Amino acid sequence: MKAGHTVSSTREIDALIDMMARLPGLGPRSARRAVLHMIRKRALLLTPLADLMQTVAATARECATCGNIGTTETCDICASEKRANGQICVVEDVADLWAMERGQAFKGRYHVLGGTLSALDQVGPETLRIPKLVERVLAENISEVILALNATVDGQTTAHYIADQLDGRVALTSLAQGVPIGGELDYLDDGTISAALSARKSL
């Protein structure tokens, strides 16, 4: 090795920190703390994590039916006959599906769009999984489609488009929007308060 050219003893560790810092919710400082903790707990955390990441990298795939992420061609939800209750909950992303599942309130199946319609970003219906949704409604004897899209302009535009595509073919519903449980009016934004007022119900 030429004089003056030395290899950093922490090069790989620095590269791991940089890679970790790219993850959502982790900045450089959090990434450094996480990596240091894993190195100190190498046998308990770092080695098993590395093995699991290698396995997931080799096996993770989208469900051919709904778009969920799993390790088989058909996810557990789509494969379960218990979930074939005639309901499909439409979400924008897999993270939304997982959030719905954490609540354990929905007993039907899902359909992941993979985003929302956006003229600005040139995202049209064919880019998303909207045609596949229409196919499923016709093929799976669906009685209700629940639109669980985010309350953004693009989310609502997408919901209206889907409603037009499925009009007359199936019952369409959407998640209620408004004041969350435990929420205080003083801390809510104007849009949330307006939505809650519009969705008011009799007592």
Protein backbone atom coordinates (compact mmCIF):
# COMPACT_ATOMS: atom_id res chain seq x y z
CA MET A 1 0.00 0.00 0.00
CA LYS A 2 1.32 3.41 -0.92
CA ALA A 3 2.37 5.75 1.84
CA GLY A 4 -0.29 8.23 2.78
CA HIS A 5 -3.13 5.98 1.61
CA THR A 6 -4.70 4.30 4.62
CA VAL A 7 -8.00 2.53 4.85
CA SER A 8 -10.34 3.79 7.57
CA SER A 9 -10.84 1.22 10.31
CA THR A 10 -14.51 2.27 10.52
CA ARG A 11 -15.30 2.43 6.79
CA GLU A 12 -17.85 -0.38 6.82
CA ILE A 13 -19.42 0.86 10.04
CA ASP A 14 -19.71 4.38 8.62
CA ALA A 15 -21.31 2.94 5.48
CA LEU A 16 -23.84 1.04 7.63
CA ILE A 17 -24.68 4.22 9.53
CA ASP A 18 -25.15 6.12 6.25
CA MET A 19 -27.44 3.37 4.95
CA MET A 20 -29.47 3.27 8.16
CA ALA A 21 -29.83 7.06 8.08
CA ARG A 22 -31.72 6.73 4.78
CA LEU A 23 -34.55 4.84 6.50
CA PRO A 24 -37.77 6.75 7.25
CA GLY A 25 -37.75 8.19 10.76
CA LEU A 26 -33.99 7.79 11.20
CA GLY A 27 -31.52 10.63 10.81
CA PRO A 28 -27.72 10.44 11.15
CA ARG A 29 -27.81 10.75 14.95
CA SER A 30 -30.47 8.04 15.43
CA ALA A 31 -28.69 5.81 12.92
CA ARG A 32 -25.41 6.12 14.84
CA ARG A 33 -27.12 5.21 18.11
CA ALA A 34 -28.89 2.24 16.52
CA VAL A 35 -25.73 0.88 14.89
CA LEU A 36 -23.69 1.29 18.07
CA HIS A 37 -26.38 -0.52 20.07
CA MET A 38 -26.49 -3.38 17.57
CA ILE A 39 -22.70 -3.75 17.59
CA ARG A 40 -22.66 -3.90 21.37
CA LYS A 41 -25.41 -6.55 21.23
CA ARG A 42 -23.90 -8.33 18.23
CA ALA A 43 -25.00 -11.89 19.02
CA LEU A 44 -28.43 -10.83 20.23
CA LEU A 45 -29.30 -8.25 17.56
CA LEU A 46 -26.83 -7.62 14.76
CA THR A 47 -26.22 -11.17 13.54
CA PRO A 48 -29.89 -12.28 13.66
CA LEU A 49 -30.91 -9.00 11.98
CA ALA A 50 -28.38 -9.51 9.18
CA ASP A 51 -29.66 -13.06 8.63
CA LEU A 52 -33.30 -11.94 8.57
CA MET A 53 -32.59 -9.07 6.18
CA GLN A 54 -30.85 -11.47 3.79
CA THR A 55 -33.83 -13.84 3.94
CA VAL A 56 -36.40 -11.08 3.42
CA ALA A 57 -34.38 -9.59 0.56
CA ALA A 58 -34.50 -12.96 -1.19
CA THR A 59 -38.14 -13.87 -0.48
CA ALA A 60 -40.26 -10.69 -0.08
CA ARG A 61 -42.79 -10.15 -2.87
CA GLU A 62 -46.12 -8.49 -3.61
CA CYS A 63 -49.27 -10.56 -3.29
CA ALA A 64 -50.51 -11.23 -6.82
CA THR A 65 -54.10 -10.58 -5.72
CA CYS A 66 -54.11 -7.56 -3.41
CA GLY A 67 -50.61 -6.07 -3.48
CA ASN A 68 -49.77 -6.79 0.17
CA ILE A 69 -46.15 -7.67 1.00
CA GLY A 70 -45.33 -11.21 2.10
CA THR A 71 -43.10 -14.11 1.22
CA THR A 72 -45.58 -16.12 -0.86
CA GLU A 73 -47.37 -15.42 -4.13
CA THR A 74 -50.69 -15.08 -2.26
CA CYS A 75 -50.68 -13.37 1.14
CA ASP A 76 -52.27 -14.93 4.23
CA ILE A 77 -55.24 -12.54 4.11
CA CYS A 78 -56.17 -13.41 0.53
CA ALA A 79 -55.57 -17.12 1.19
CA SER A 80 -57.89 -17.18 4.20
CA GLU A 81 -61.46 -18.24 3.42
CA LYS A 82 -62.56 -16.56 6.65
CA ARG A 83 -61.69 -13.20 5.08
CA ALA A 84 -63.91 -13.85 2.03
CA ASN A 85 -66.88 -11.98 3.50
CA GLY A 86 -67.66 -9.91 0.40
CA GLN A 87 -65.81 -6.79 1.60
CA ILE A 88 -62.71 -5.20 0.08
CA CYS A 89 -60.97 -2.32 1.82
CA VAL A 90 -59.04 -0.14 -0.64
CA VAL A 91 -55.87 1.51 0.69
CA GLU A 92 -53.12 3.56 -0.91
CA ASP A 93 -50.09 1.71 0.43
CA VAL A 94 -49.07 -1.48 2.24
CA ALA A 95 -48.33 0.61 5.35
CA ASP A 96 -52.02 1.60 5.42
CA LEU A 97 -53.04 -2.06 5.17
CA TRP A 98 -50.78 -2.96 8.08
CA ALA A 99 -52.21 -0.05 10.10
CA MET A 100 -55.75 -1.33 9.47
CA GLU A 101 -54.72 -4.83 10.53
CA ARG A 102 -53.28 -3.53 13.80
CA GLY A 103 -56.76 -2.37 14.75
CA GLN A 104 -58.14 -5.89 14.17
CA ALA A 105 -61.55 -4.42 13.36
CA PHE A 106 -61.78 -5.24 9.65
CA LYS A 107 -62.48 -8.88 8.77
CA GLY A 108 -62.52 -8.72 4.97
CA ARG A 109 -59.82 -8.49 2.32
CA TYR A 110 -57.77 -5.58 0.99
CA HIS A 111 -56.68 -3.97 -2.24
CA VAL A 112 -53.49 -1.89 -2.32
CA LEU A 113 -53.50 0.76 -5.05
CA GLY A 114 -49.80 1.59 -4.83
CA GLY A 115 -50.40 5.36 -4.63
CA THR A 116 -52.96 7.93 -5.70
CA LEU A 117 -53.91 9.61 -8.95
CA SER A 118 -51.77 12.66 -9.64
CA ALA A 119 -51.73 14.63 -12.88
CA LEU A 120 -48.68 16.54 -11.66
CA ASP A 121 -46.67 13.35 -11.19
CA GLN A 122 -48.22 11.71 -14.26
CA VAL A 123 -49.80 8.92 -12.19
CA GLY A 124 -52.89 7.64 -14.01
CA PRO A 125 -55.35 4.79 -13.35
CA GLU A 126 -53.26 2.28 -15.31
CA THR A 127 -50.21 3.08 -13.16
CA LEU A 128 -52.17 2.15 -10.07
CA ARG A 129 -54.03 -1.11 -9.44
CA ILE A 130 -57.47 0.34 -10.19
CA PRO A 131 -58.23 -1.92 -13.22
CA LYS A 132 -57.30 -4.93 -11.05
CA LEU A 133 -59.75 -3.69 -8.40
CA VAL A 134 -62.58 -3.58 -10.94
CA GLU A 135 -61.68 -7.14 -12.02
CA ARG A 136 -61.78 -8.36 -8.42
CA VAL A 137 -65.17 -6.78 -7.75
CA LEU A 138 -66.61 -8.68 -10.69
CA ALA A 139 -64.78 -11.96 -10.08
CA GLU A 140 -64.92 -12.33 -6.28
CA ASN A 141 -68.63 -11.67 -5.65
CA ILE A 142 -67.85 -8.47 -3.73
CA SER A 143 -70.78 -6.75 -2.01
CA GLU A 144 -69.02 -3.72 -0.52
CA VAL A 145 -65.90 -1.69 -1.34
CA ILE A 146 -64.62 0.44 1.53
CA LEU A 147 -62.47 3.37 0.39
CA ALA A 148 -59.89 3.93 3.13
CA LEU A 149 -57.82 6.54 1.30
CA ASN A 150 -56.00 9.41 2.96
CA ALA A 151 -57.87 12.69 3.33
CA THR A 152 -55.63 14.53 0.87
CA VAL A 153 -56.59 16.17 -2.42
CA ASP A 154 -55.05 13.29 -4.41
CA GLY A 155 -56.61 10.73 -2.07
CA GLN A 156 -60.08 12.17 -2.49
CA THR A 157 -59.62 12.55 -6.25
CA THR A 158 -58.69 8.86 -6.42
CA ALA A 159 -61.69 7.91 -4.28
CA HIS A 160 -64.07 9.79 -6.61
CA TYR A 161 -62.52 8.14 -9.68
CA ILE A 162 -62.91 4.66 -8.17
CA ALA A 163 -66.49 5.47 -7.18
CA ASP A 164 -67.24 6.40 -10.80
CA GLN A 165 -65.67 3.17 -12.07
CA LEU A 166 -67.67 1.01 -9.66
CA ASP A 167 -70.93 2.98 -9.68
CA GLY A 168 -73.90 0.60 -9.77
CA ARG A 169 -71.73 -2.51 -9.46
CA VAL A 170 -71.18 -2.63 -5.71
CA ALA A 171 -71.97 -0.76 -2.49
CA LEU A 172 -69.38 1.94 -1.86
CA THR A 173 -68.48 3.34 1.55
CA SER A 174 -65.64 5.40 2.99
CA LEU A 175 -64.08 5.74 6.41
CA ALA A 176 -65.62 8.37 8.67
CA GLN A 177 -63.52 11.51 9.03
CA GLY A 178 -63.51 13.93 11.91
CA VAL A 179 -62.59 14.28 15.56
CA PRO A 180 -60.39 11.37 16.72
CA ILE A 181 -61.06 9.58 20.01
CA GLY A 182 -59.37 11.61 22.72
CA GLY A 183 -58.96 14.60 20.42
CA GLU A 184 -59.48 18.16 21.67
CA LEU A 185 -61.05 20.69 19.32
CA ASP A 186 -58.47 23.36 20.15
CA TYR A 187 -55.68 21.17 18.74
CA LEU A 188 -57.43 20.10 15.50
CA ASP A 189 -56.96 21.73 12.12
CA ASP A 190 -59.80 23.50 10.33
CA GLY A 191 -60.25 20.72 7.75
CA THR A 192 -60.72 18.06 10.42
CA ILE A 193 -63.27 20.17 12.28
CA SER A 194 -65.18 20.85 9.04
CA ALA A 195 -65.22 17.14 8.16
CA ALA A 196 -66.43 16.25 11.64
CA LEU A 197 -69.21 18.84 11.43
CA SER A 198 -70.33 17.56 8.02
CA ALA A 199 -70.36 13.94 9.27
CA ARG A 200 -72.34 14.72 12.44
CA LYS A 201 -74.99 12.19 13.51
CA SER A 202 -78.03 12.07 15.79
CA LEU A 203 -77.61 11.08 19.42
